[in-house]
Amino acid sequence: MIATPPALFGKSHTSPDELYGPLFTEVQSRRIFKDSKSFADAVPRIDPAGIMEAYMHQKEHSDFNLKAFVTGYFEMPHIVTTETDTREDIPPIIERIDWLWSRLSRPVKAQHQGGSLLMLPEPYVVPGGRFREIYYWDSYFTMLGLRESGRVDLIESMLQNFVYLIDHFGHIPTGNRTYYLSRSQPPFFSLMVGLYAEIKGREAAVRYLPQLQREYDYWMEGSDRLDESTIAHRRVVRLPDGTLLNRYWDDRALPRPEAYCEDVELAKEAQQNHGHEPESVYRCLRAAAESGWDFSSRWMVDGKTFATIHTTNILPVDLNCLIQHLESTLAETYRLNAQPELGHYYEAKARERCQAINAWFWNSRQQFYMDYDFRQQKTTGIFSLAGIFPLYFKLANLRQARFVDAYVRLNFLRSGGVVTTLNDSGQQWDAPNGWAPLQWITYQGLRNYQFNCSASRLRANWLHLVEKQYSTTGKMLEKYNILNTNLLARDGEYDLQEGFGWTNGVYLIMKNQKAC
């Protein structure tokens, strides 16, 4: 049983846009801060009710200064920097990463009333930069590196934090912020449990069986109410043949607090140019944020225009592979717990989903796995590294895997590793950028089918790029320019961040892999 963090209960879990209402809207709309996340993460110096009373009174005065008011009543967050090494020579990269684990670690602290940060019972590692909280799918790739560094203590404490979140909120939110509670991220919890079981033994997974089940229930909520007239509910969709698959979703159809101005502006553009209702745009933006790929041509109707975003119409191939792994993990863990009937039940679910992945996501004309638009009843036609996930989870047959390998080798694999998509839409989860988690997924997916030549080239190119940028900047970066290794990665809705949890983790595990 995990201890409750001090001063957690009794504190509000209300998102700051709801808590501060008109004040929040005015601060964000007037762009008082360059980054919308700044005010969303601010900590009030007094009770929020007192702040709102002062605001409603003072804003009527002719000499009212909004920024001065905010900085007076709120403590603004700090960027998590890593520039504290004063030596003239940059230390070796492995030494730097070992140092970064402590730099990026956060202790247990009491929750601030009115602040958006949700306290957790155990220490954890943040990504770095503007990302001052734990993140769900980031953490799996961070854990891979922690294992390489021998930091099993941090792996276990981070896993316990995710247990805590599932137990108290019914799911793992994007991160431990109140404004993330309405959405999750790619469900890597079963992989985290698997990683821990590799370290401690298979039986260790049984400890997390209740949370694995609750995670599955969260993603499948409402599946029992779907029929021919109601084909979609929250994160689950029923296809014409009765197959159940998953999508990304968010119950709130409002601008994201951490990207308020950007969302409002895009919703206006989408309404003016494409006739889309703002509520639909907001929900699709939030769903894309839940995917972790925020943002990408994967979610755009035409594959290039951001204002055509329609995430909730799409069944993502990577998400459904992750859910299939969760089903397989439940099957194995129930067997370990001497519950063979439930083991057989989830084994059947995993087998059915594997068949569905190959039936619905395999584009036989393009010979590649792609996302499926269940409204248009066809694959999207967007080539992305999401299509490598069936190889990572060993769900493809050898013929399919060969086609995927050929396409990766000829189109995705470049001088810096593998590029995220083949589209240059201007979004950060498209060309020319590459991201650490997808390097690992692709590398391991290729190795699973003995495509060692492609995997070795990917590994060598990626490691060289990270080392090259590190020698130049002294930093581990969130993402990299795969197409031109002399340039930094393209920014998205925020500047390039340093730190960086998942880059550190993937670099370490790939560095320690023997060349194929």
Protein backbone atom coordinates (compact mmCIF):
# COMPACT_ATOMS: atom_id res chain seq x y z
CA MET A 1 0.00 0.00 0.00
CA ILE A 2 1.38 3.42 -0.91
CA ALA A 3 1.32 6.22 1.59
CA THR A 4 -0.81 9.25 0.81
CA PRO A 5 1.32 12.32 0.01
CA PRO A 6 1.21 14.94 2.73
CA ALA A 7 -1.47 17.60 2.33
CA LEU A 8 -2.93 16.03 -0.80
CA PHE A 9 -6.50 15.43 0.19
CA GLY A 10 -8.68 18.47 0.67
CA LYS A 11 -6.85 20.31 -2.08
CA SER A 12 -8.64 21.24 -5.28
CA HIS A 13 -8.16 19.18 -8.41
CA THR A 14 -9.75 21.98 -10.44
CA SER A 15 -7.97 23.05 -13.60
CA PRO A 16 -6.64 26.64 -13.46
CA ASP A 17 -8.86 27.81 -16.32
CA GLU A 18 -11.89 26.86 -14.20
CA LEU A 19 -10.40 28.00 -10.90
CA TYR A 20 -9.46 31.47 -12.08
CA GLY A 21 -12.07 31.91 -14.83
CA PRO A 22 -11.99 35.47 -16.24
CA LEU A 23 -8.52 36.16 -14.82
CA PHE A 24 -7.10 33.10 -16.56
CA THR A 25 -8.78 34.02 -19.84
CA GLU A 26 -7.50 37.60 -19.73
CA VAL A 27 -3.93 36.62 -18.85
CA GLN A 28 -3.75 34.07 -21.65
CA SER A 29 -5.64 36.15 -24.25
CA ARG A 30 -3.38 39.14 -23.72
CA ARG A 31 -0.28 36.93 -23.92
CA ILE A 32 1.19 38.25 -20.70
CA PHE A 33 3.68 35.39 -20.91
CA LYS A 34 5.33 34.00 -24.04
CA ASP A 35 4.47 30.42 -23.09
CA SER A 36 0.83 29.70 -22.22
CA LYS A 37 2.03 26.95 -19.88
CA SER A 38 3.66 29.52 -17.59
CA PHE A 39 0.46 30.82 -16.04
CA ALA A 40 -1.12 27.34 -16.04
CA ASP A 41 1.77 26.22 -13.81
CA ALA A 42 1.87 29.31 -11.57
CA VAL A 43 1.48 28.88 -7.81
CA PRO A 44 -0.83 31.32 -5.96
CA ARG A 45 0.68 33.17 -3.01
CA ILE A 46 -2.68 33.37 -1.19
CA ASP A 47 -6.00 31.55 -1.31
CA PRO A 48 -7.43 31.55 -4.89
CA ALA A 49 -10.73 33.02 -3.67
CA GLY A 50 -8.80 35.99 -2.27
CA ILE A 51 -6.97 36.46 -5.54
CA MET A 52 -10.22 36.49 -7.51
CA GLU A 53 -11.78 38.96 -5.09
CA ALA A 54 -8.78 41.26 -5.50
CA TYR A 55 -8.84 40.88 -9.27
CA MET A 56 -12.54 41.67 -9.63
CA HIS A 57 -12.04 44.78 -7.51
CA GLN A 58 -8.77 46.08 -8.96
CA LYS A 59 -9.39 45.45 -12.66
CA GLU A 60 -11.91 48.30 -12.71
CA HIS A 61 -9.23 50.82 -11.78
CA SER A 62 -7.77 52.87 -14.63
CA ASP A 63 -4.20 52.21 -13.50
CA PHE A 64 -4.64 48.42 -13.26
CA ASN A 65 -1.56 46.53 -14.49
CA LEU A 66 -2.41 42.92 -15.25
CA LYS A 67 1.15 41.59 -15.37
CA ALA A 68 2.07 43.31 -12.12
CA PHE A 69 -1.06 41.87 -10.53
CA VAL A 70 -0.21 38.33 -11.66
CA THR A 71 3.43 38.44 -10.62
CA GLY A 72 2.38 39.90 -7.28
CA TYR A 73 -0.19 37.23 -6.51
CA PHE A 74 1.50 34.24 -8.16
CA GLU A 75 4.89 32.62 -8.02
CA MET A 76 5.85 31.96 -11.62
CA PRO A 77 7.45 28.62 -12.55
CA HIS A 78 11.08 28.17 -13.46
CA ILE A 79 12.48 26.43 -16.51
CA VAL A 80 14.28 23.19 -15.62
CA THR A 81 17.76 24.00 -16.92
CA THR A 82 20.83 21.78 -16.98
CA GLU A 83 23.49 24.43 -17.39
CA THR A 84 25.16 24.21 -14.00
CA ASP A 85 28.40 22.57 -15.08
CA THR A 86 31.05 25.29 -15.04
CA ARG A 87 33.97 23.25 -16.35
CA GLU A 88 35.49 24.47 -19.58
CA ASP A 89 35.38 21.02 -21.14
CA ILE A 90 32.06 19.31 -21.69
CA PRO A 91 32.03 16.07 -19.67
CA PRO A 92 31.61 12.72 -21.46
CA ILE A 93 28.02 12.16 -22.46
CA ILE A 94 27.50 9.13 -20.18
CA GLU A 95 28.83 11.10 -17.23
CA ARG A 96 26.49 13.95 -18.10
CA ILE A 97 23.45 11.66 -18.24
CA ASP A 98 24.29 10.15 -14.86
CA TRP A 99 24.40 13.69 -13.47
CA LEU A 100 21.14 14.59 -15.22
CA TRP A 101 19.16 11.90 -13.43
CA SER A 102 19.59 13.75 -10.15
CA ARG A 103 19.12 17.12 -11.82
CA LEU A 104 15.80 16.04 -13.30
CA SER A 105 14.57 14.18 -10.20
CA ARG A 106 11.83 15.67 -8.05
CA PRO A 107 11.21 14.87 -4.35
CA VAL A 108 7.89 14.46 -2.58
CA LYS A 109 6.43 17.84 -1.58
CA ALA A 110 3.16 19.12 -0.15
CA GLN A 111 0.59 20.41 -2.62
CA HIS A 112 0.01 24.15 -2.94
CA GLN A 113 -3.62 25.14 -2.69
CA GLY A 114 -4.74 26.56 -6.03
CA GLY A 115 -1.66 25.30 -7.87
CA SER A 116 -2.04 22.91 -10.80
CA LEU A 117 0.69 20.44 -9.75
CA LEU A 118 -0.64 17.18 -8.30
CA MET A 119 1.61 15.81 -5.60
CA LEU A 120 2.90 12.25 -5.87
CA PRO A 121 3.99 9.90 -3.09
CA GLU A 122 7.42 9.01 -4.48
CA PRO A 123 10.30 10.82 -6.22
CA TYR A 124 10.17 10.98 -10.02
CA VAL A 125 12.07 12.20 -13.07
CA VAL A 126 10.77 15.09 -15.19
CA PRO A 127 11.68 15.50 -18.88
CA GLY A 128 13.27 18.95 -18.44
CA GLY A 129 12.83 22.48 -19.78
CA ARG A 130 9.21 23.65 -19.59
CA PHE A 131 8.15 20.14 -18.61
CA ARG A 132 8.32 20.38 -14.83
CA GLU A 133 6.12 17.38 -14.01
CA ILE A 134 6.10 13.64 -14.64
CA TYR A 135 4.80 12.57 -18.06
CA TYR A 136 3.20 9.24 -18.78
CA TRP A 137 4.75 7.84 -21.95
CA ASP A 138 7.99 9.81 -21.56
CA SER A 139 8.60 7.91 -18.35
CA TYR A 140 8.86 4.49 -19.97
CA PHE A 141 11.77 5.59 -22.14
CA THR A 142 13.33 7.38 -19.19
CA MET A 143 13.05 4.12 -17.23
CA LEU A 144 14.95 2.26 -19.96
CA GLY A 145 17.87 4.58 -19.29
CA LEU A 146 17.49 4.40 -15.53
CA ARG A 147 17.88 0.63 -15.78
CA GLU A 148 21.09 1.10 -17.75
CA SER A 149 22.33 3.47 -15.02
CA GLY A 150 21.43 1.04 -12.25
CA ARG A 151 18.74 3.37 -10.85
CA VAL A 152 16.17 0.67 -10.10
CA ASP A 153 15.09 2.73 -7.09
CA LEU A 154 13.79 5.48 -9.35
CA ILE A 155 12.10 2.99 -11.68
CA GLU A 156 10.20 1.51 -8.74
CA SER A 157 9.25 4.88 -7.28
CA MET A 158 7.99 6.17 -10.64
CA LEU A 159 5.97 3.00 -11.14
CA GLN A 160 4.47 3.50 -7.68
CA ASN A 161 3.48 7.03 -8.67
CA PHE A 162 1.58 5.69 -11.67
CA VAL A 163 -0.12 3.17 -9.39
CA TYR A 164 -1.13 6.06 -7.17
CA LEU A 165 -2.58 8.01 -10.12
CA ILE A 166 -4.58 5.02 -11.35
CA ASP A 167 -5.90 4.30 -7.87
CA HIS A 168 -6.99 7.88 -7.21
CA PHE A 169 -8.08 9.11 -10.65
CA GLY A 170 -8.95 5.89 -12.47
CA HIS A 171 -6.28 6.41 -15.10
CA ILE A 172 -2.82 7.84 -15.67
CA PRO A 173 -3.19 11.45 -16.84
CA THR A 174 -0.80 13.04 -19.33
CA GLY A 175 1.14 14.40 -16.39
CA ASN A 176 0.59 15.29 -12.74
CA ARG A 177 -1.23 18.54 -13.42
CA THR A 178 -4.90 19.29 -12.77
CA TYR A 179 -5.34 20.44 -16.35
CA TYR A 180 -4.18 17.02 -17.61
CA LEU A 181 -6.76 15.01 -15.65
CA SER A 182 -9.23 14.77 -18.54
CA ARG A 183 -6.80 12.93 -20.81
CA SER A 184 -4.10 10.30 -20.68
CA GLN A 185 -1.19 9.45 -23.01
CA PRO A 186 -0.08 6.36 -24.97
CA PRO A 187 -0.68 3.52 -22.47
CA PHE A 188 2.82 2.30 -21.67
CA PHE A 189 1.97 1.16 -18.13
CA SER A 190 2.01 -2.53 -19.11
CA LEU A 191 5.47 -2.07 -20.61
CA MET A 192 6.66 -0.40 -17.40
CA VAL A 193 5.37 -3.38 -15.42
CA GLY A 194 7.11 -5.68 -17.88
CA LEU A 195 10.37 -3.79 -17.49
CA TYR A 196 10.14 -4.03 -13.72
CA ALA A 197 9.35 -7.76 -13.96
CA GLU A 198 12.46 -8.25 -16.10
CA ILE A 199 14.48 -6.80 -13.24
CA LYS A 200 12.68 -8.41 -10.29
CA GLY A 201 11.24 -11.59 -11.82
CA ARG A 202 7.96 -12.45 -13.55
CA GLU A 203 6.02 -12.75 -10.31
CA ALA A 204 6.60 -9.05 -9.60
CA ALA A 205 3.98 -8.20 -12.23
CA VAL A 206 1.20 -9.67 -10.05
CA ARG A 207 1.68 -6.78 -7.63
CA TYR A 208 0.33 -4.43 -10.32
CA LEU A 209 -2.56 -6.57 -11.54
CA PRO A 210 -5.35 -4.35 -10.08
CA GLN A 211 -3.88 -1.28 -11.78
CA LEU A 212 -3.37 -3.08 -15.09
CA GLN A 213 -7.05 -3.98 -15.00
CA ARG A 214 -8.14 -0.44 -14.16
CA GLU A 215 -5.97 0.91 -16.96
CA TYR A 216 -7.70 -1.43 -19.40
CA ASP A 217 -11.14 -0.54 -18.06
CA TYR A 218 -10.38 3.16 -18.58
CA TRP A 219 -9.51 2.72 -22.26
CA MET A 220 -12.45 0.38 -22.90
CA GLU A 221 -15.08 2.33 -20.91
CA GLY A 222 -18.40 2.32 -22.76
CA SER A 223 -17.60 -0.55 -25.11
CA ASP A 224 -20.61 -2.48 -23.82
CA ARG A 225 -23.01 0.22 -24.99
CA LEU A 226 -21.88 0.37 -28.63
CA ASP A 227 -24.07 -0.97 -31.42
CA GLU A 228 -25.09 -0.12 -35.00
CA SER A 229 -26.61 3.20 -33.89
CA THR A 230 -23.84 4.23 -31.47
CA ILE A 231 -20.49 3.35 -32.99
CA ALA A 232 -18.20 5.49 -30.81
CA HIS A 233 -18.02 6.42 -27.14
CA ARG A 234 -15.07 8.22 -25.62
CA ARG A 235 -11.96 6.12 -26.45
CA VAL A 236 -13.63 3.07 -27.99
CA VAL A 237 -15.10 2.57 -31.49
CA ARG A 238 -17.17 -0.26 -32.94
CA LEU A 239 -16.46 -1.09 -36.58
CA PRO A 240 -19.11 -2.51 -38.96
CA ASP A 241 -18.07 -6.13 -38.31
CA GLY A 242 -18.36 -5.61 -34.55
CA THR A 243 -14.62 -5.19 -33.94
CA LEU A 244 -13.77 -2.90 -31.02
CA LEU A 245 -10.76 -0.63 -31.42
CA ASN A 246 -9.50 2.48 -29.67
CA ARG A 247 -8.95 6.15 -30.39
CA TYR A 248 -7.64 9.15 -28.49
CA TRP A 249 -10.15 11.43 -26.76
CA ASP A 250 -10.70 14.15 -24.15
CA ASP A 251 -13.98 14.80 -22.38
CA ARG A 252 -13.36 18.55 -22.31
CA ALA A 253 -14.08 20.49 -25.52
CA LEU A 254 -12.25 23.66 -24.44
CA PRO A 255 -8.87 25.27 -25.19
CA ARG A 256 -6.02 23.52 -23.40
CA PRO A 257 -4.89 25.69 -20.45
CA GLU A 258 -1.22 25.06 -21.32
CA ALA A 259 -1.75 26.18 -24.94
CA TYR A 260 -4.73 28.50 -24.59
CA CYS A 261 -3.93 31.19 -27.15
CA GLU A 262 -2.72 28.72 -29.76
CA ASP A 263 -5.91 26.67 -29.48
CA VAL A 264 -8.24 29.66 -29.66
CA GLU A 265 -6.47 31.01 -32.75
CA LEU A 266 -6.56 27.65 -34.53
CA ALA A 267 -10.24 27.17 -33.72
CA LYS A 268 -11.03 30.55 -35.29
CA GLU A 269 -9.08 29.65 -38.41
CA ALA A 270 -10.75 26.25 -38.64
CA GLN A 271 -14.18 27.80 -38.34
CA GLN A 272 -13.54 30.56 -40.86
CA ASN A 273 -11.77 28.46 -43.49
CA HIS A 274 -13.24 24.99 -43.02
CA GLY A 275 -16.55 25.46 -41.20
CA HIS A 276 -15.46 23.43 -38.18
CA GLU A 277 -17.09 24.11 -34.84
CA PRO A 278 -14.63 25.33 -32.15
CA GLU A 279 -15.70 22.61 -29.71
CA SER A 280 -14.78 19.92 -32.24
CA VAL A 281 -11.40 21.55 -32.90
CA TYR A 282 -10.62 21.81 -29.18
CA ARG A 283 -11.49 18.17 -28.60
CA CYS A 284 -9.35 17.07 -31.54
CA LEU A 285 -6.41 19.16 -30.29
CA ARG A 286 -6.74 17.59 -26.86
CA ALA A 287 -7.02 14.11 -28.34
CA ALA A 288 -3.85 14.73 -30.37
CA ALA A 289 -2.15 15.90 -27.19
CA GLU A 290 -3.22 12.63 -25.55
CA SER A 291 -1.51 10.78 -28.41
CA GLY A 292 1.84 12.34 -27.52
CA TRP A 293 2.19 13.34 -31.19
CA ASP A 294 1.21 16.97 -30.72
CA PHE A 295 1.14 17.78 -33.51
CA SER A 296 1.44 15.76 -36.70
CA SER A 297 0.06 15.41 -40.21
CA ARG A 298 -1.37 12.10 -38.95
CA TRP A 299 -4.27 14.07 -37.51
CA MET A 300 -5.00 16.34 -40.49
CA VAL A 301 -7.64 15.63 -43.13
CA ASP A 302 -5.35 16.69 -45.97
CA GLY A 303 -2.08 15.70 -44.27
CA LYS A 304 -0.77 19.27 -44.27
CA THR A 305 -3.25 21.86 -42.97
CA PHE A 306 -3.37 22.11 -39.18
CA ALA A 307 -6.86 23.63 -39.18
CA THR A 308 -8.26 20.39 -40.67
CA ILE A 309 -7.35 18.42 -37.54
CA HIS A 310 -9.78 15.52 -36.95
CA THR A 311 -8.04 13.31 -34.42
CA THR A 312 -11.20 11.81 -32.96
CA ASN A 313 -12.11 10.29 -36.35
CA ILE A 314 -8.88 8.29 -36.40
CA LEU A 315 -8.07 4.88 -34.97
CA PRO A 316 -4.28 5.05 -34.39
CA VAL A 317 -2.30 1.92 -35.16
CA ASP A 318 0.23 2.54 -32.36
CA LEU A 319 -2.46 3.00 -29.71
CA ASN A 320 -4.14 -0.27 -30.64
CA CYS A 321 -0.83 -2.12 -30.55
CA LEU A 322 -0.30 -0.78 -27.03
CA ILE A 323 -3.78 -1.90 -25.97
CA GLN A 324 -3.04 -5.33 -27.46
CA HIS A 325 0.08 -5.50 -25.31
CA LEU A 326 -2.00 -4.56 -22.26
CA GLU A 327 -4.43 -7.38 -23.06
CA SER A 328 -1.54 -9.84 -23.44
CA THR A 329 -0.03 -8.62 -20.16
CA LEU A 330 -3.36 -9.09 -18.37
CA ALA A 331 -3.61 -12.62 -19.77
CA GLU A 332 -0.14 -13.57 -18.54
CA THR A 333 -0.51 -11.85 -15.17
CA TYR A 334 -3.88 -13.44 -14.40
CA ARG A 335 -2.31 -16.83 -15.10
CA LEU A 336 0.56 -15.99 -12.74
CA ASN A 337 -2.08 -15.09 -10.16
CA ALA A 338 -3.75 -18.51 -10.51
CA GLN A 339 -6.77 -17.10 -12.38
CA PRO A 340 -6.66 -19.15 -15.60
CA GLU A 341 -10.19 -18.28 -16.77
CA LEU A 342 -9.39 -14.58 -16.86
CA GLY A 343 -6.07 -15.44 -18.45
CA HIS A 344 -7.88 -17.23 -21.28
CA TYR A 345 -10.35 -14.35 -21.60
CA TYR A 346 -7.67 -11.72 -22.16
CA GLU A 347 -5.62 -14.04 -24.33
CA ALA A 348 -8.64 -14.23 -26.65
CA LYS A 349 -9.00 -10.43 -26.54
CA ALA A 350 -5.33 -10.00 -27.46
CA ARG A 351 -5.62 -12.52 -30.30
CA GLU A 352 -8.74 -10.78 -31.67
CA ARG A 353 -7.05 -7.39 -31.56
CA CYS A 354 -3.94 -8.72 -33.30
CA GLN A 355 -6.16 -9.98 -36.11
CA ALA A 356 -7.99 -6.65 -36.22
CA ILE A 357 -4.73 -4.69 -36.41
CA ASN A 358 -3.69 -6.66 -39.47
CA ALA A 359 -7.16 -6.42 -41.00
CA TRP A 360 -7.83 -2.71 -40.51
CA PHE A 361 -4.44 -0.98 -40.33
CA TRP A 362 -2.53 -2.83 -43.03
CA ASN A 363 -2.77 -0.90 -46.31
CA SER A 364 -2.34 -3.63 -48.91
CA ARG A 365 -1.83 -1.15 -51.73
CA GLN A 366 0.92 0.79 -49.94
CA GLN A 367 2.19 -2.31 -48.11
CA PHE A 368 2.51 -0.43 -44.83
CA TYR A 369 0.61 -0.05 -41.55
CA MET A 370 -1.39 3.19 -41.35
CA ASP A 371 -3.98 4.80 -39.10
CA TYR A 372 -7.63 4.09 -39.93
CA ASP A 373 -10.29 6.80 -40.44
CA PHE A 374 -13.43 5.09 -39.20
CA ARG A 375 -15.69 7.84 -40.54
CA GLN A 376 -14.29 7.54 -44.07
CA GLN A 377 -13.82 3.76 -43.60
CA LYS A 378 -10.30 3.71 -45.01
CA THR A 379 -6.70 4.13 -43.93
CA THR A 380 -5.46 7.71 -43.85
CA GLY A 381 -2.65 7.27 -46.38
CA ILE A 382 -0.15 8.97 -44.05
CA PHE A 383 3.20 7.19 -43.74
CA SER A 384 4.49 7.53 -40.18
CA LEU A 385 6.60 5.60 -37.69
CA ALA A 386 3.37 4.62 -35.94
CA GLY A 387 3.41 1.92 -38.62
CA ILE A 388 6.43 0.25 -36.98
CA PHE A 389 4.55 -0.56 -33.75
CA PRO A 390 3.18 -3.90 -35.08
CA LEU A 391 6.80 -4.99 -35.57
CA TYR A 392 7.79 -3.76 -32.10
CA PHE A 393 5.06 -5.94 -30.58
CA LYS A 394 5.66 -8.81 -33.04
CA LEU A 395 2.15 -8.63 -34.50
CA ALA A 396 3.16 -8.56 -38.19
CA ASN A 397 3.83 -11.61 -40.30
CA LEU A 398 7.21 -11.93 -42.01
CA ARG A 399 5.93 -10.76 -45.38
CA GLN A 400 4.44 -7.59 -43.87
CA ALA A 401 7.58 -6.97 -41.85
CA ARG A 402 9.73 -7.18 -44.96
CA PHE A 403 7.67 -4.50 -46.68
CA VAL A 404 7.86 -2.26 -43.59
CA ASP A 405 11.62 -2.73 -43.36
CA ALA A 406 12.07 -1.84 -47.02
CA TYR A 407 9.99 1.30 -46.63
CA VAL A 408 11.79 2.36 -43.47
CA ARG A 409 15.20 1.74 -45.04
CA LEU A 410 14.40 3.58 -48.29
CA ASN A 411 12.29 6.47 -46.99
CA PHE A 412 12.49 7.01 -43.22
CA LEU A 413 16.13 6.19 -42.49
CA ARG A 414 18.28 9.26 -42.98
CA SER A 415 21.62 10.63 -41.82
CA GLY A 416 20.36 11.32 -38.29
CA GLY A 417 18.20 8.25 -37.69
CA VAL A 418 14.56 7.79 -38.68
CA VAL A 419 12.32 10.74 -39.45
CA THR A 420 8.87 10.77 -37.82
CA THR A 421 6.75 11.10 -40.96
CA LEU A 422 7.49 11.81 -44.62
CA ASN A 423 5.46 15.03 -44.54
CA ASP A 424 6.82 18.52 -43.89
CA SER A 425 3.71 20.15 -42.45
CA GLY A 426 5.51 22.60 -40.18
CA GLN A 427 4.48 20.57 -37.10
CA GLN A 428 7.07 19.12 -34.73
CA TRP A 429 5.94 15.47 -35.13
CA ASP A 430 6.66 15.56 -38.86
CA ALA A 431 9.74 15.90 -41.04
CA PRO A 432 12.47 16.96 -40.51
CA ASN A 433 12.24 15.99 -36.84
CA GLY A 434 13.08 12.72 -35.14
CA TRP A 435 12.26 11.72 -31.57
CA ALA A 436 14.04 9.37 -29.19
CA PRO A 437 11.09 7.05 -28.41
CA LEU A 438 10.46 6.38 -32.09
CA GLN A 439 14.14 5.64 -32.68
CA TRP A 440 13.93 2.91 -30.06
CA ILE A 441 10.58 1.53 -31.23
CA THR A 442 11.86 1.36 -34.82
CA TYR A 443 15.23 -0.08 -33.89
CA GLN A 444 13.76 -2.80 -31.71
CA GLY A 445 10.95 -3.50 -34.17
CA LEU A 446 13.46 -4.12 -36.95
CA ARG A 447 15.60 -6.32 -34.72
CA ASN A 448 12.56 -8.41 -33.79
CA TYR A 449 12.46 -9.60 -37.41
CA GLN A 450 16.25 -9.81 -37.85
CA PHE A 451 16.50 -6.79 -40.11
CA ASN A 452 19.86 -6.15 -38.52
CA CYS A 453 21.37 -4.12 -41.33
CA SER A 454 18.63 -1.47 -41.15
CA ALA A 455 18.69 -1.53 -37.34
CA SER A 456 22.47 -1.08 -37.22
CA ARG A 457 22.36 1.90 -39.58
CA LEU A 458 19.61 3.51 -37.55
CA ARG A 459 21.52 3.01 -34.31
CA ALA A 460 24.79 4.37 -35.69
CA ASN A 461 23.13 7.40 -37.30
CA TRP A 462 21.08 8.30 -34.23
CA LEU A 463 23.92 7.92 -31.74
CA HIS A 464 26.20 9.98 -33.95
CA LEU A 465 23.62 12.78 -34.19
CA VAL A 466 23.02 12.92 -30.42
CA GLU A 467 26.76 12.93 -29.76
CA LYS A 468 27.35 15.57 -32.42
CA GLN A 469 24.72 17.92 -31.01
CA TYR A 470 25.95 17.27 -27.48
CA SER A 471 29.53 18.13 -28.40
CA THR A 472 28.28 21.39 -29.94
CA THR A 473 25.69 22.48 -27.37
CA GLY A 474 26.57 20.53 -24.23
CA LYS A 475 22.88 19.54 -24.03
CA MET A 476 20.68 16.51 -24.45
CA LEU A 477 17.75 17.72 -26.55
CA GLU A 478 14.08 16.82 -26.72
CA LYS A 479 14.13 16.17 -30.48
CA TYR A 480 16.56 16.34 -33.40
CA ASN A 481 16.72 17.32 -37.05
CA ILE A 482 17.06 13.99 -38.83
CA LEU A 483 17.32 15.36 -42.36
CA ASN A 484 20.05 17.95 -41.75
CA THR A 485 22.26 17.06 -38.80
CA ASN A 486 23.89 20.50 -38.92
CA LEU A 487 20.63 22.14 -37.89
CA LEU A 488 18.56 21.97 -34.72
CA ALA A 489 15.09 20.41 -34.73
CA ARG A 490 12.13 22.46 -35.83
CA ASP A 491 10.11 24.01 -33.02
CA GLY A 492 6.42 23.28 -32.54
CA GLU A 493 4.10 25.33 -30.32
CA TYR A 494 7.03 25.86 -27.93
CA ASP A 495 10.81 26.29 -28.19
CA LEU A 496 13.28 23.40 -28.35
CA GLN A 497 13.70 21.97 -24.86
CA GLU A 498 16.76 20.56 -23.13
CA GLY A 499 17.13 17.89 -20.47
CA PHE A 500 15.91 15.49 -21.69
CA GLY A 501 14.45 12.42 -20.02
CA TRP A 502 13.59 10.17 -22.94
CA THR A 503 16.59 11.19 -25.02
CA ASN A 504 18.88 10.26 -22.12
CA GLY A 505 17.13 6.92 -21.71
CA VAL A 506 17.09 5.91 -25.36
CA TYR A 507 20.67 7.04 -25.90
CA LEU A 508 21.88 4.87 -23.03
CA ILE A 509 20.04 1.72 -24.00
CA MET A 510 20.97 2.03 -27.68
CA LYS A 511 24.59 2.81 -26.81
CA ASN A 512 24.76 -0.31 -24.67
CA GLN A 513 23.27 -2.53 -27.37
CA LYS A 514 25.80 -4.62 -29.24
CA ALA A 515 26.10 -3.67 -32.89
CA CYS A 516 24.18 -6.14 -35.05
